[in-house]
Amino acid sequence: MKSSIRLKVRNMLNTKNNRKIAAGVLIKCRETNKVLLLLRNDKAYEPNTWSMVSGGIESGEEVLEGLKREVKEEISIDPNIIEYEFVGITYSKSKNLDFHYYKGFTNTEFIPKLDYENLDWGWFDKDNLPENLYPNLEGKIDKI
């Protein structure tokens, strides 16, 4: 309960021209060429879909700083083991949201420890992806 209230407050406070701001990183392991995907437990958007690490950016945070905080919160790893590459920003009119998308690279696969926002995780080859991917994620995986 506390966490859902915290998320709602964070989303209300962090606006740019009344838009919410979020960021996500699609993490790829250089050694294995696999991407890390998380099975979302998020009831508000796309529940039970496989997605990248992502979340809302808090008021006053720089986007990359907030994304690193989300990495630490969601998968309990040191976010600095990832090399971040900014890709772009998309706007979702239905969610009134600016989403900052990053590619992330790590040298070896790691074992994440999930928080309440995710049900499962896996390192996946782009030719053997799980079903029920978050909308438009397959295209991003093809380009990383």
Protein backbone atom coordinates (compact mmCIF):
# COMPACT_ATOMS: atom_id res chain seq x y z
CA MET A 1 0.00 0.00 0.00
CA LYS A 2 2.76 2.46 0.95
CA SER A 3 4.60 1.76 -2.30
CA SER A 4 1.55 2.47 -4.50
CA ILE A 5 0.95 5.76 -2.66
CA ARG A 6 4.64 6.65 -3.10
CA LEU A 7 4.39 5.92 -6.83
CA LYS A 8 1.27 8.09 -7.22
CA VAL A 9 2.88 10.99 -5.33
CA ARG A 10 6.09 10.63 -7.37
CA ASN A 11 4.11 10.75 -10.60
CA MET A 12 2.12 13.80 -9.48
CA LEU A 13 5.23 15.71 -8.39
CA ASN A 14 7.42 14.94 -11.36
CA THR A 15 5.92 16.80 -14.27
CA LYS A 16 7.32 18.80 -17.13
CA ASN A 17 4.68 21.03 -18.70
CA ASN A 18 2.18 18.86 -16.78
CA ARG A 19 3.71 15.72 -18.28
CA LYS A 20 4.99 12.83 -16.22
CA ILE A 21 8.58 11.77 -16.89
CA ALA A 22 9.79 8.17 -16.93
CA ALA A 23 12.87 6.39 -18.21
CA GLY A 24 13.86 2.87 -19.10
CA VAL A 25 16.96 0.93 -20.05
CA LEU A 26 17.16 -2.20 -22.18
CA ILE A 27 20.22 -4.01 -20.84
CA LYS A 28 22.32 -6.24 -23.11
CA CYS A 29 25.19 -8.47 -22.05
CA ARG A 30 28.15 -8.12 -24.41
CA GLU A 31 29.49 -11.59 -23.52
CA THR A 32 26.30 -13.53 -24.36
CA ASN A 33 24.38 -11.09 -26.62
CA LYS A 34 21.29 -11.62 -24.43
CA VAL A 35 18.96 -8.93 -23.08
CA LEU A 36 17.58 -8.71 -19.55
CA LEU A 37 13.79 -8.64 -19.38
CA LEU A 38 11.51 -8.32 -16.36
CA LEU A 39 7.98 -9.68 -16.01
CA ARG A 40 6.01 -6.66 -14.80
CA ASN A 41 3.65 -6.79 -11.85
CA ASP A 42 2.33 -3.32 -12.64
CA LYS A 43 -1.47 -3.16 -12.55
CA ALA A 44 -1.64 0.42 -13.88
CA TYR A 45 -0.08 -0.08 -17.31
CA GLU A 46 0.68 -3.43 -18.91
CA PRO A 47 0.49 -6.17 -16.26
CA ASN A 48 2.17 -9.53 -16.84
CA THR A 49 4.23 -8.33 -19.77
CA TRP A 50 7.97 -8.69 -20.25
CA SER A 51 9.68 -5.32 -20.25
CA MET A 52 12.90 -3.42 -19.63
CA VAL A 53 13.89 -1.83 -16.32
CA SER A 54 11.91 1.41 -16.12
CA GLY A 55 10.14 3.79 -13.81
CA GLY A 56 9.11 7.30 -12.95
CA ILE A 57 11.62 10.08 -12.44
CA GLU A 58 11.19 12.00 -9.19
CA SER A 59 10.87 15.75 -8.96
CA GLY A 60 14.29 17.40 -9.05
CA GLU A 61 16.09 14.31 -10.39
CA GLU A 62 18.13 14.30 -13.55
CA VAL A 63 16.72 11.62 -15.86
CA LEU A 64 19.81 9.37 -15.87
CA GLU A 65 20.15 9.76 -12.08
CA GLY A 66 16.51 8.68 -11.67
CA LEU A 67 16.97 5.76 -14.06
CA LYS A 68 19.97 4.54 -12.07
CA ARG A 69 17.86 4.78 -8.91
CA GLU A 70 15.19 2.66 -10.60
CA VAL A 71 17.82 0.07 -11.62
CA LYS A 72 18.98 -0.18 -8.02
CA GLU A 73 15.41 -0.37 -6.66
CA GLU A 74 14.01 -2.84 -9.19
CA ILE A 75 16.89 -5.29 -9.62
CA SER A 76 19.21 -4.52 -6.67
CA ILE A 77 22.45 -4.15 -8.59
CA ASP A 78 25.02 -1.38 -8.71
CA PRO A 79 23.70 0.74 -11.61
CA ASN A 80 27.23 1.83 -12.47
CA ILE A 81 28.10 -1.62 -13.91
CA ILE A 82 25.93 -0.61 -16.85
CA GLU A 83 27.16 1.61 -19.69
CA TYR A 84 24.18 3.83 -20.64
CA GLU A 85 23.54 5.10 -24.17
CA PHE A 86 20.70 7.60 -24.65
CA VAL A 87 18.44 6.73 -27.58
CA GLY A 88 15.58 9.21 -27.46
CA ILE A 89 12.33 10.44 -25.95
CA THR A 90 8.84 9.33 -26.88
CA TYR A 91 5.62 10.99 -25.79
CA SER A 92 2.53 8.99 -24.84
CA LYS A 93 -0.54 11.19 -25.14
CA SER A 94 -2.78 8.63 -23.40
CA LYS A 95 -0.45 8.56 -20.36
CA ASN A 96 0.69 12.22 -20.70
CA LEU A 97 4.21 10.87 -20.34
CA ASP A 98 7.66 11.66 -21.73
CA PHE A 99 9.60 8.38 -21.79
CA HIS A 100 13.41 8.60 -22.01
CA TYR A 101 14.80 5.43 -23.57
CA TYR A 102 18.36 4.16 -23.04
CA LYS A 103 20.33 1.16 -24.21
CA GLY A 104 22.51 -0.35 -21.51
CA PHE A 105 25.51 -2.62 -21.85
CA THR A 106 27.16 -4.86 -19.30
CA ASN A 107 30.12 -7.18 -19.77
CA THR A 108 28.63 -10.20 -18.01
CA GLU A 109 25.18 -11.43 -17.04
CA PHE A 110 24.23 -10.80 -13.43
CA ILE A 111 21.50 -12.21 -11.20
CA PRO A 112 18.98 -9.52 -10.27
CA LYS A 113 17.09 -9.48 -6.99
CA LEU A 114 13.60 -8.23 -7.82
CA ASP A 115 11.43 -5.81 -5.90
CA TYR A 116 7.62 -5.93 -5.73
CA GLU A 117 7.23 -4.37 -9.19
CA ASN A 118 8.37 -7.48 -11.03
CA LEU A 119 7.41 -11.15 -10.88
CA ASP A 120 10.27 -12.78 -12.80
CA TRP A 121 13.36 -12.04 -14.86
CA GLY A 122 15.49 -13.65 -17.53
CA TRP A 123 18.33 -13.15 -19.96
CA PHE A 124 16.93 -13.78 -23.46
CA ASP A 125 18.41 -14.25 -26.92
CA LYS A 126 16.63 -12.06 -29.48
CA ASP A 127 15.67 -15.21 -31.41
CA ASN A 128 14.12 -16.83 -28.33
CA LEU A 129 12.05 -14.11 -26.63
CA PRO A 130 9.23 -14.82 -24.18
CA GLU A 131 5.61 -14.32 -25.19
CA ASN A 132 3.68 -11.28 -24.04
CA LEU A 133 6.33 -8.61 -24.61
CA TYR A 134 5.52 -5.01 -23.71
CA PRO A 135 4.18 -3.18 -26.81
CA ASN A 136 6.95 -2.17 -29.27
CA LEU A 137 9.70 -3.84 -27.22
CA GLU A 138 10.59 -6.42 -29.86
CA GLY A 139 11.63 -3.65 -32.26
CA LYS A 140 13.92 -2.16 -29.61
CA ILE A 141 15.47 -5.57 -28.94
CA ASP A 142 16.17 -6.03 -32.67
CA LYS A 143 18.09 -2.72 -32.72
CA ILE A 144 20.31 -3.25 -29.67
